[in-house]
Structures are given as structure tokens and as C-alpha cells.
N, C-alpha and C. Protein backbone atom coordinates (compact mmCIF):
# COMPACT_ATOMS: atom_id res chain seq x y z
N UNK A 1 17.33 -7.88 30.72
CA UNK A 1 16.60 -7.06 29.72
C UNK A 1 15.16 -7.25 29.67
N UNK A 2 14.22 -6.34 29.76
CA UNK A 2 12.71 -6.97 29.80
C UNK A 2 12.53 -7.25 27.94
N UNK A 3 11.50 -8.13 28.55
CA UNK A 3 11.06 -8.33 27.10
C UNK A 3 10.52 -7.48 26.26
N UNK A 4 9.67 -6.39 26.28
CA UNK A 4 9.69 -5.32 25.24
C UNK A 4 10.80 -4.61 24.62
N UNK A 5 11.89 -4.70 25.22
CA UNK A 5 13.03 -4.01 25.28
C UNK A 5 13.82 -5.19 23.80
N UNK A 6 13.81 -6.31 24.50
CA UNK A 6 14.63 -7.58 23.39
C UNK A 6 13.47 -7.36 22.09
N UNK A 7 12.09 -7.57 22.34
CA UNK A 7 11.49 -7.49 20.97
C UNK A 7 11.67 -6.10 20.08
N UNK A 8 12.01 -4.95 20.58
CA UNK A 8 12.06 -3.77 19.99
C UNK A 8 13.84 -4.21 19.41
N UNK A 9 14.67 -4.53 19.87
CA UNK A 9 15.78 -4.98 19.60
C UNK A 9 15.84 -5.73 18.20
N UNK A 10 15.00 -6.74 18.70
CA UNK A 10 15.11 -8.00 17.48
C UNK A 10 14.56 -6.97 16.53
N UNK A 11 13.11 -6.56 16.24
CA UNK A 11 12.46 -5.47 15.17
C UNK A 11 13.49 -4.98 14.78
N UNK A 12 14.59 -4.11 15.51
CA UNK A 12 15.56 -3.18 14.63
C UNK A 12 16.59 -4.04 13.95
N UNK A 13 16.74 -5.40 14.47
CA UNK A 13 17.92 -6.02 13.58
C UNK A 13 17.00 -6.55 12.41
N UNK A 14 15.99 -6.98 12.54
CA UNK A 14 15.55 -7.76 11.48
C UNK A 14 15.05 -6.52 10.32
N UNK A 15 15.08 -5.31 10.61
CA UNK A 15 14.61 -4.27 9.63
C UNK A 15 16.04 -3.98 9.14
N UNK A 16 17.01 -3.98 9.82
CA UNK A 16 18.12 -3.66 9.09
C UNK A 16 18.51 -4.97 8.21
N UNK A 17 18.38 -5.90 8.61
CA UNK A 17 18.61 -7.16 7.86
C UNK A 17 18.02 -7.04 6.36
N UNK A 18 17.12 -6.72 6.48
CA UNK A 18 15.95 -6.83 5.38
C UNK A 18 16.36 -5.52 4.50
N UNK A 19 16.80 -4.55 4.92
CA UNK A 19 17.32 -3.45 4.00
C UNK A 19 18.48 -4.03 3.45
N UNK A 20 19.18 -4.34 4.54
CA UNK A 20 20.90 -4.58 3.88
C UNK A 20 20.68 -5.58 2.95
N UNK A 21 19.68 -6.75 2.96
CA UNK A 21 19.81 -8.02 2.33
C UNK A 21 19.01 -7.02 0.76
N UNK A 22 18.30 -6.28 0.83
CA UNK A 22 17.44 -5.60 -0.27
C UNK A 22 18.18 -4.90 -1.22
N UNK A 23 19.10 -4.05 -0.56
CA UNK A 23 19.87 -2.92 -1.22
C UNK A 23 21.12 -3.73 -1.91
N UNK A 24 21.81 -5.15 -1.10
CA UNK A 24 22.77 -6.00 -1.71
C UNK A 24 22.32 -6.93 -2.96
N UNK A 25 20.76 -6.68 -2.91
CA UNK A 25 20.40 -7.49 -4.34
C UNK A 25 19.41 -6.82 -4.96
N UNK A 26 19.78 -5.63 -5.10
CA UNK A 26 18.68 -4.86 -6.05
C UNK A 26 19.58 -5.40 -7.65
N UNK A 27 18.22 -5.46 -8.39
CA UNK A 27 18.64 -5.56 -9.82
C UNK A 27 18.14 -4.53 -10.77
N UNK A 28 18.97 -4.40 -11.71
CA UNK A 28 18.72 -3.72 -12.84
C UNK A 28 18.97 -4.34 -14.06
N UNK A 29 18.54 -5.59 -14.45
CA UNK A 29 18.74 -6.44 -15.52
C UNK A 29 17.59 -5.78 -16.61
N UNK A 30 18.01 -5.62 -18.13
CA UNK A 30 17.16 -5.26 -18.54
C UNK A 30 16.92 -6.67 -19.65
N UNK A 31 15.65 -6.44 -19.98
CA UNK A 31 15.10 -7.54 -20.53
C UNK A 31 14.40 -7.26 -22.17
N UNK A 32 14.68 -7.86 -23.10
CA UNK A 32 14.30 -7.88 -24.40
C UNK A 32 13.46 -8.68 -25.03
N UNK A 33 12.17 -8.22 -25.39
CA UNK A 33 11.29 -9.56 -25.84
C UNK A 33 10.63 -8.75 -27.21
N UNK A 34 11.41 -9.23 -28.48
CA UNK A 34 10.77 -8.47 -29.43
C UNK A 34 11.17 -7.02 -29.04
N UNK A 35 10.18 -6.28 -29.92
CA UNK A 35 10.28 -4.32 -29.71
C UNK A 35 10.09 -4.11 -28.05
N UNK A 36 9.38 -5.01 -27.38
CA UNK A 36 9.10 -4.68 -25.93
C UNK A 36 10.56 -4.73 -24.83
N UNK A 37 10.50 -3.44 -24.15
CA UNK A 37 11.31 -3.53 -23.26
C UNK A 37 11.37 -4.14 -21.70
N UNK A 38 11.44 -4.92 -21.09
CA UNK A 38 11.23 -5.29 -20.04
C UNK A 38 12.57 -5.02 -18.93
N UNK A 39 11.75 -4.30 -17.67
CA UNK A 39 12.84 -3.98 -16.91
C UNK A 39 12.88 -4.88 -15.56
N UNK A 40 13.61 -5.26 -14.71
CA UNK A 40 13.48 -6.21 -13.80
C UNK A 40 14.23 -4.94 -12.58
N UNK A 41 13.36 -4.31 -12.25
CA UNK A 41 13.77 -3.06 -11.19
C UNK A 41 13.14 -3.69 -10.33
N UNK A 42 14.18 -3.64 -8.79
CA UNK A 42 13.58 -2.95 -7.56
C UNK A 42 14.08 -2.37 -6.96
N UNK A 43 13.05 -1.18 -6.81
CA UNK A 43 13.30 0.15 -6.12
C UNK A 43 12.50 0.37 -4.89
N UNK A 44 13.50 0.78 -3.83
CA UNK A 44 13.06 1.12 -2.45
C UNK A 44 13.16 2.79 -2.77
N UNK A 45 11.91 3.25 -1.71
CA UNK A 45 11.70 4.32 -1.85
C UNK A 45 11.31 4.72 -0.27
N UNK A 46 12.39 5.56 0.05
CA UNK A 46 12.01 5.61 1.63
C UNK A 46 12.32 7.17 2.06
N UNK A 47 11.74 7.25 3.50
CA UNK A 47 11.61 8.57 3.68
C UNK A 47 10.68 8.90 5.05
N UNK A 48 10.24 10.28 5.47
CA UNK A 48 9.68 10.05 6.72
C UNK A 48 8.16 9.97 6.60
N UNK A 49 7.35 9.79 7.34
CA UNK A 49 5.60 9.74 7.26
C UNK A 49 5.41 11.26 6.22
N UNK A 50 4.78 11.04 5.46
CA UNK A 50 4.07 12.19 4.83
C UNK A 50 5.01 12.63 3.79
N UNK A 51 6.27 12.34 3.17
CA UNK A 51 6.99 12.52 2.43
C UNK A 51 6.96 12.77 1.00
N UNK A 52 6.06 12.11 0.69
CA UNK A 52 5.84 12.13 -0.84
C UNK A 52 6.23 10.73 -1.29
N UNK A 53 6.87 9.81 -0.50
CA UNK A 53 7.23 8.21 -1.22
C UNK A 53 6.13 7.73 -1.93
N UNK A 54 5.24 7.65 -1.30
CA UNK A 54 3.82 6.81 -1.91
C UNK A 54 3.62 7.57 -3.28
N UNK A 55 3.29 8.66 -3.53
CA UNK A 55 2.70 9.51 -4.64
C UNK A 55 4.36 9.19 -5.68
N UNK A 56 5.14 9.25 -5.24
CA UNK A 56 6.27 9.15 -6.38
C UNK A 56 5.95 7.86 -6.85
N UNK A 57 5.82 6.67 -5.99
CA UNK A 57 5.93 5.72 -6.18
C UNK A 57 4.89 5.14 -6.93
N UNK A 58 3.58 5.28 -6.69
CA UNK A 58 2.52 5.56 -7.46
C UNK A 58 2.69 5.96 -8.69
N UNK A 59 3.49 7.17 -9.09
CA UNK A 59 3.77 7.75 -10.24
C UNK A 59 4.41 7.06 -11.25
N UNK A 60 5.76 6.58 -10.45
CA UNK A 60 6.63 5.88 -11.51
C UNK A 60 5.78 4.39 -12.03
N UNK A 61 5.08 4.02 -10.97
CA UNK A 61 4.53 2.38 -11.31
C UNK A 61 3.79 2.68 -12.44
N UNK A 62 2.85 3.64 -12.46
CA UNK A 62 1.87 4.05 -13.46
C UNK A 62 2.52 3.96 -14.89
N UNK A 63 3.67 5.05 -14.69
CA UNK A 63 4.34 5.16 -16.11
C UNK A 63 5.08 3.68 -16.53
N UNK A 64 5.49 3.12 -15.74
CA UNK A 64 6.07 2.19 -16.50
C UNK A 64 5.30 0.44 -16.28
N UNK A 65 4.19 1.08 -15.98
CA UNK A 65 3.00 -0.27 -16.08
C UNK A 65 2.58 -1.07 -17.56
N UNK A 66 3.58 -0.21 -18.52
CA UNK A 66 3.48 -0.97 -19.99
C UNK A 66 1.88 -1.38 -20.40
N UNK A 67 1.24 -0.35 -20.26
CA UNK A 67 -0.35 -0.44 -20.42
C UNK A 67 -1.02 -1.48 -19.91
N UNK A 68 -0.72 -1.81 -18.66
CA UNK A 68 -1.53 -2.73 -17.93
C UNK A 68 -1.47 -2.11 -16.68
N UNK A 69 -2.43 -2.03 -15.75
CA UNK A 69 -2.93 -1.41 -14.58
C UNK A 69 -1.33 -2.43 -13.54
N UNK A 70 -0.70 -1.46 -12.61
CA UNK A 70 -0.10 -2.15 -11.80
C UNK A 70 -0.59 -2.44 -10.77
N UNK A 71 0.13 -3.49 -10.08
CA UNK A 71 -0.54 -3.98 -8.99
C UNK A 71 -0.10 -3.69 -7.63
N UNK A 72 -1.18 -3.30 -6.98
CA UNK A 72 -1.23 -2.50 -5.87
C UNK A 72 -1.09 -3.66 -4.66
N UNK A 73 -0.08 -4.14 -3.83
CA UNK A 73 -0.18 -5.02 -2.88
C UNK A 73 0.06 -4.36 -1.25
N UNK A 74 -1.23 -4.25 -0.57
CA UNK A 74 -1.38 -4.15 0.48
C UNK A 74 -1.15 -4.92 1.75
N UNK A 75 0.03 -4.13 2.81
CA UNK A 75 0.49 -5.18 3.30
C UNK A 75 -0.28 -5.14 4.80
N UNK A 76 -0.89 -4.01 5.05
CA UNK A 76 -1.54 -3.54 6.58
C UNK A 76 -2.42 -4.88 6.66
N UNK A 77 -2.21 -5.42 8.19
CA UNK A 77 -2.83 -6.14 8.78
C UNK A 77 -4.17 -5.69 9.83
N UNK A 78 -5.12 -6.18 9.19
CA UNK A 78 -6.45 -5.02 9.47
C UNK A 78 -7.08 -5.64 10.95
N UNK A 79 -6.51 -6.79 11.52
CA UNK A 79 -7.53 -7.71 12.23
C UNK A 79 -7.10 -6.71 13.88
N UNK A 80 -6.32 -5.70 14.02
CA UNK A 80 -6.18 -5.20 15.03
C UNK A 80 -7.47 -4.11 15.43
N UNK A 81 -8.26 -3.71 14.50
CA UNK A 81 -9.29 -2.92 14.95
C UNK A 81 -9.30 -1.44 15.03
N UNK A 82 -7.84 -0.88 14.18
CA UNK A 82 -7.34 0.40 14.74
C UNK A 82 -8.15 1.29 13.67
N UNK A 83 -9.04 1.86 14.32
CA UNK A 83 -9.94 2.86 13.33
C UNK A 83 -9.30 3.92 12.49
N UNK A 84 -8.34 4.57 13.31
CA UNK A 84 -7.47 5.60 12.63
C UNK A 84 -6.65 5.11 11.08
N UNK A 85 -6.43 3.93 11.45
CA UNK A 85 -5.68 3.29 10.41
C UNK A 85 -6.57 2.90 9.26
N UNK A 86 -7.68 2.32 9.88
CA UNK A 86 -8.87 2.16 8.19
C UNK A 86 -9.09 2.93 7.76
N UNK A 87 -9.35 4.28 8.53
CA UNK A 87 -9.71 5.19 7.59
C UNK A 87 -8.45 5.80 6.47
N UNK A 88 -7.71 5.92 7.30
CA UNK A 88 -6.17 5.82 6.27
C UNK A 88 -6.32 5.05 5.01
N UNK A 89 -6.36 3.62 5.33
CA UNK A 89 -6.56 2.87 4.13
C UNK A 89 -7.70 3.00 3.38
N UNK A 90 -9.04 3.64 3.56
CA UNK A 90 -9.80 3.89 2.98
C UNK A 90 -9.72 4.90 2.13
N UNK A 91 -8.68 5.94 2.71
CA UNK A 91 -8.51 7.42 1.80
C UNK A 91 -7.78 6.70 0.86
N UNK A 92 -6.42 5.96 1.31
CA UNK A 92 -5.93 5.52 0.10
C UNK A 92 -6.59 4.95 -0.97
N UNK A 93 -7.42 4.09 -0.63
CA UNK A 93 -8.39 3.12 -1.67
C UNK A 93 -8.74 4.29 -2.44
N UNK A 94 -9.56 5.28 -1.78
CA UNK A 94 -10.31 6.50 -2.89
C UNK A 94 -9.13 7.22 -3.67
N UNK A 95 -8.08 7.21 -3.17
CA UNK A 95 -7.04 8.37 -3.96
C UNK A 95 -6.62 7.21 -5.43
N UNK A 96 -6.41 5.99 -5.13
CA UNK A 96 -6.23 5.34 -5.78
C UNK A 96 -6.96 4.86 -7.20
N UNK A 97 -8.18 4.70 -6.68
CA UNK A 97 -9.29 4.56 -7.39
C UNK A 97 -9.21 3.19 -8.40
N UNK A 98 -9.33 3.18 -9.36
CA UNK A 98 -9.07 2.03 -10.47
C UNK A 98 -8.19 2.01 -11.06
N UNK A 99 -6.82 2.79 -10.73
CA UNK A 99 -5.85 2.90 -11.45
C UNK A 99 -4.84 1.76 -11.26
N UNK A 100 -5.29 1.13 -10.07
CA UNK A 100 -4.50 -0.15 -9.64
C UNK A 100 -5.23 -1.25 -9.63
N UNK A 101 -4.70 -2.33 -9.67
CA UNK A 101 -5.11 -3.90 -9.29
C UNK A 101 -5.07 -3.85 -7.73
N UNK A 102 -5.69 -4.18 -6.80
CA UNK A 102 -5.21 -4.43 -5.41
C UNK A 102 -5.47 -5.55 -4.89
N UNK A 103 -4.26 -6.07 -4.35
CA UNK A 103 -4.38 -7.47 -3.78
C UNK A 103 -3.44 -6.93 -2.02
N UNK A 104 -4.24 -7.80 -1.09
CA UNK A 104 -3.99 -7.56 0.03
C UNK A 104 -3.68 -8.81 0.37
N UNK A 105 -2.30 -8.51 0.89
CA UNK A 105 -0.83 -9.91 1.55
C UNK A 105 -0.35 -9.09 2.45
N UNK A 106 -0.50 -9.97 3.41
CA UNK A 106 0.38 -9.42 4.89
C UNK A 106 1.42 -9.90 4.94
N UNK A 107 1.68 -11.21 4.51
CA UNK A 107 3.15 -12.12 4.56
C UNK A 107 3.87 -12.39 3.45
N UNK A 108 3.08 -13.28 2.62
CA UNK A 108 3.48 -13.94 1.65
C UNK A 108 3.75 -13.29 0.14
N UNK A 109 4.57 -12.29 0.09
CA UNK A 109 4.63 -11.55 -0.89
C UNK A 109 5.33 -12.21 -2.17
N UNK A 110 5.91 -13.05 -2.26
CA UNK A 110 6.32 -13.91 -3.26
C UNK A 110 5.30 -14.84 -3.54
N UNK A 111 4.18 -14.87 -3.15
CA UNK A 111 3.24 -15.88 -3.63
C UNK A 111 2.29 -15.00 -4.63
N UNK A 112 2.31 -13.61 -4.39
CA UNK A 112 1.54 -12.93 -5.24
C UNK A 112 2.10 -11.94 -6.29
N UNK A 113 3.44 -11.74 -6.20
CA UNK A 113 4.70 -11.12 -7.14
C UNK A 113 5.16 -12.49 -8.00
N UNK A 114 4.58 -12.61 -9.39
CA UNK A 114 4.92 -13.27 -10.38
C UNK A 114 5.72 -13.09 -11.34
N UNK A 115 6.62 -13.88 -12.17
CA UNK A 115 7.48 -13.57 -12.86
C UNK A 115 6.68 -13.58 -14.36
N UNK A 116 6.05 -12.10 -14.41
CA UNK A 116 5.40 -11.95 -15.40
C UNK A 116 5.59 -10.44 -16.23
N UNK A 117 6.83 -10.00 -15.83
CA UNK A 117 7.19 -8.43 -16.22
C UNK A 117 5.82 -7.42 -15.89
N UNK A 118 5.29 -7.77 -14.77
CA UNK A 118 4.26 -6.89 -14.29
C UNK A 118 4.98 -5.81 -13.43
N UNK A 119 4.22 -4.54 -13.33
CA UNK A 119 4.79 -3.82 -12.18
C UNK A 119 3.89 -3.86 -10.79
N UNK A 120 4.60 -3.99 -9.68
CA UNK A 120 4.10 -4.51 -8.42
C UNK A 120 4.60 -3.41 -7.50
N UNK A 121 3.52 -2.83 -6.58
CA UNK A 121 3.78 -1.86 -5.85
C UNK A 121 3.35 -2.15 -4.41
N UNK A 122 4.45 -2.13 -3.56
CA UNK A 122 4.14 -2.78 -2.17
C UNK A 122 4.06 -1.77 -1.13
N UNK A 123 2.92 -1.71 -0.63
CA UNK A 123 2.71 -0.48 0.50
C UNK A 123 2.08 -1.41 1.71
N UNK A 124 3.07 -1.34 2.76
CA UNK A 124 4.23 -0.58 3.16
C UNK A 124 4.80 -1.73 3.76
N UNK A 125 6.37 -1.37 3.19
CA UNK A 125 7.66 -2.67 3.46
C UNK A 125 7.61 -2.71 4.89
N UNK A 126 7.52 -1.17 5.31
CA UNK A 126 8.05 -1.52 7.34
C UNK A 126 6.60 -2.23 7.92
N UNK A 127 5.72 -2.23 7.32
CA UNK A 127 4.26 -2.79 7.82
C UNK A 127 4.74 -4.32 7.60
N UNK A 128 5.21 -4.77 6.35
CA UNK A 128 5.55 -6.06 6.00
C UNK A 128 6.31 -6.96 6.85
N UNK A 129 7.47 -5.86 7.00
CA UNK A 129 8.76 -6.32 8.10
C UNK A 129 8.08 -6.68 9.52
N UNK A 130 7.15 -5.74 10.12
CA UNK A 130 6.56 -6.23 11.26
C UNK A 130 5.70 -7.21 11.73
N UNK A 131 4.87 -7.43 10.23
CA UNK A 131 3.82 -8.78 10.15
C UNK A 131 4.99 -10.11 9.85
N UNK A 132 6.08 -9.86 9.67
CA UNK A 132 6.93 -10.83 9.70
C UNK A 132 7.67 -11.20 10.83
N UNK A 133 7.76 -10.21 12.22
CA UNK A 133 8.39 -10.25 13.29
C UNK A 133 8.72 -11.43 13.99
N UNK A 134 7.84 -12.55 13.55
CA UNK A 134 8.27 -13.89 14.28
C UNK A 134 8.77 -14.83 13.13
N UNK A 135 8.96 -14.63 12.14
CA UNK A 135 9.77 -15.39 11.27
C UNK A 135 11.07 -15.43 11.49
N UNK A 136 11.77 -16.75 11.51
CA UNK A 136 13.17 -16.77 11.82
C UNK A 136 14.10 -16.06 10.53
N UNK A 137 15.32 -15.63 10.69
CA UNK A 137 16.02 -14.51 9.55
C UNK A 137 15.92 -15.31 8.54
N UNK A 138 16.29 -16.63 8.47
CA UNK A 138 16.47 -17.44 7.05
C UNK A 138 15.09 -17.37 6.57
N UNK A 139 13.96 -17.31 7.05
CA UNK A 139 12.69 -17.65 6.19
C UNK A 139 12.59 -16.15 5.65
N UNK A 140 12.78 -15.03 6.50
CA UNK A 140 12.72 -13.71 5.85
C UNK A 140 13.99 -13.40 4.64
N UNK A 141 14.92 -13.97 4.67
CA UNK A 141 15.90 -13.91 3.81
C UNK A 141 15.68 -14.61 2.31
N UNK A 142 14.86 -15.96 2.77
CA UNK A 142 14.70 -16.29 1.72
C UNK A 142 13.53 -15.94 0.64
N UNK A 143 12.33 -15.24 1.61
CA UNK A 143 11.36 -14.48 1.01
C UNK A 143 12.13 -13.49 0.00
N UNK A 144 13.14 -12.87 0.49
CA UNK A 144 13.36 -11.65 -0.11
C UNK A 144 14.90 -12.29 -1.33
N UNK A 145 15.12 -13.28 -1.23
CA UNK A 145 16.00 -13.76 -2.47
C UNK A 145 14.81 -14.08 -3.44
N UNK A 146 13.27 -14.85 -3.12
CA UNK A 146 12.83 -15.05 -4.10
C UNK A 146 12.08 -13.81 -4.91
N UNK A 147 12.06 -12.80 -4.07
CA UNK A 147 11.29 -11.23 -4.66
C UNK A 147 12.48 -10.89 -5.69
N UNK A 148 13.53 -11.02 -5.04
CA UNK A 148 14.76 -10.23 -6.00
C UNK A 148 15.06 -10.85 -7.36
N UNK A 149 14.75 -12.37 -7.20
CA UNK A 149 14.50 -13.27 -8.32
C UNK A 149 13.13 -13.02 -9.60
N UNK A 150 12.23 -12.43 -9.20
CA UNK A 150 11.38 -12.41 -10.10
C UNK A 150 11.62 -11.31 -10.89
N UNK A 151 11.11 -12.00 -12.43
CA UNK A 151 11.15 -11.06 -13.81
C UNK A 151 9.97 -9.83 -13.60
N UNK A 152 9.95 -9.29 -12.64
CA UNK A 152 9.00 -8.31 -12.47
C UNK A 152 9.56 -6.95 -11.69
N UNK A 153 9.17 -5.76 -12.25
CA UNK A 153 9.32 -4.58 -11.53
C UNK A 153 8.67 -4.28 -10.12
N UNK A 154 9.43 -3.99 -8.89
CA UNK A 154 9.15 -4.08 -7.60
C UNK A 154 9.37 -2.62 -6.88
N UNK A 155 8.41 -2.08 -6.55
CA UNK A 155 8.36 -0.70 -6.03
C UNK A 155 8.06 -0.76 -4.48
N UNK A 156 9.05 -0.41 -3.84
CA UNK A 156 8.82 -0.97 -2.24
C UNK A 156 8.82 0.84 -1.49
N UNK A 157 7.73 1.22 -0.48
CA UNK A 157 7.75 2.22 0.21
C UNK A 157 7.12 1.99 1.59
């Protein structure tokens, strides 16, 4: 088996494991604090490229933001010098405007997502999986477990 094929199979296996673990750990626990309702949702939007998943996720995150700007986590690693991707990132930034607080984090999502009842939007989860391709499966699953346990709404697409 050639190295490229082995790496592709490894990526496929990691993506499968990641989504399997995520789907099995979805949490829809309601938290009540006084008269405010805190949701602890983990929602995955999936579909083809340009299928509307990012717009739907942004719309939902804004609605559930509880009068606070949602936190938009950008996972794209801009170190590759891909000009078309850089243009796409700039377009996304213009579209979002100041409706979100933007944080760039390519790997350690659990360092950014806090137990604070806030709404987080992760763009793009497949890019994050590719960024973490060299991680051992245990490290990846540990990261997912940390995210699952966060008292925050997390929208992934």
C-alpha cells in the first residue's frame, strides 16, 4: 500500500471515529438558572459544499445567543498560502461582520470553548479533523469528550 493511500485511509478512519463519537455524545440537557434557560446543545450540520449549512448554523447561533454575540471559531490553517481559500475566508469575514466574536483556533477547541453557557460556532469541523490528522485517536477522543462536557451550545459545520 502506498503512503498516500494509507494516509487517505487514516483520514477516513479518523473522520468516521470523530463523527461516530460526536453523534454518540450529543447532549441536549436543559439548564435552568433563575428565569433564564441554558441549553447544552451539540449540533452538527452536515451536507455538501454550498448546501446552506453555514448560513443555517449562523442563523441558529444568533437566535440562541441569549443577547450575547456568539463566538465564531475558525479552524482553517492559513499557513499553506492558498490564495483562493484566503479569498473565501475574507468573504466569510465580511458576511459575518460584527455579528460574531471571531477566534482562530486550528487544533485545541477545548481551550477556546468554556463552561460559560455561551454559543459557539465551529467552522469548519472537517478542516479541524484534517488539522488533527497526526494526533493519536486517544487524543482526538479526549478532545471530543472535553467538548461534550462543556456547558455551552456548540454548532459544528
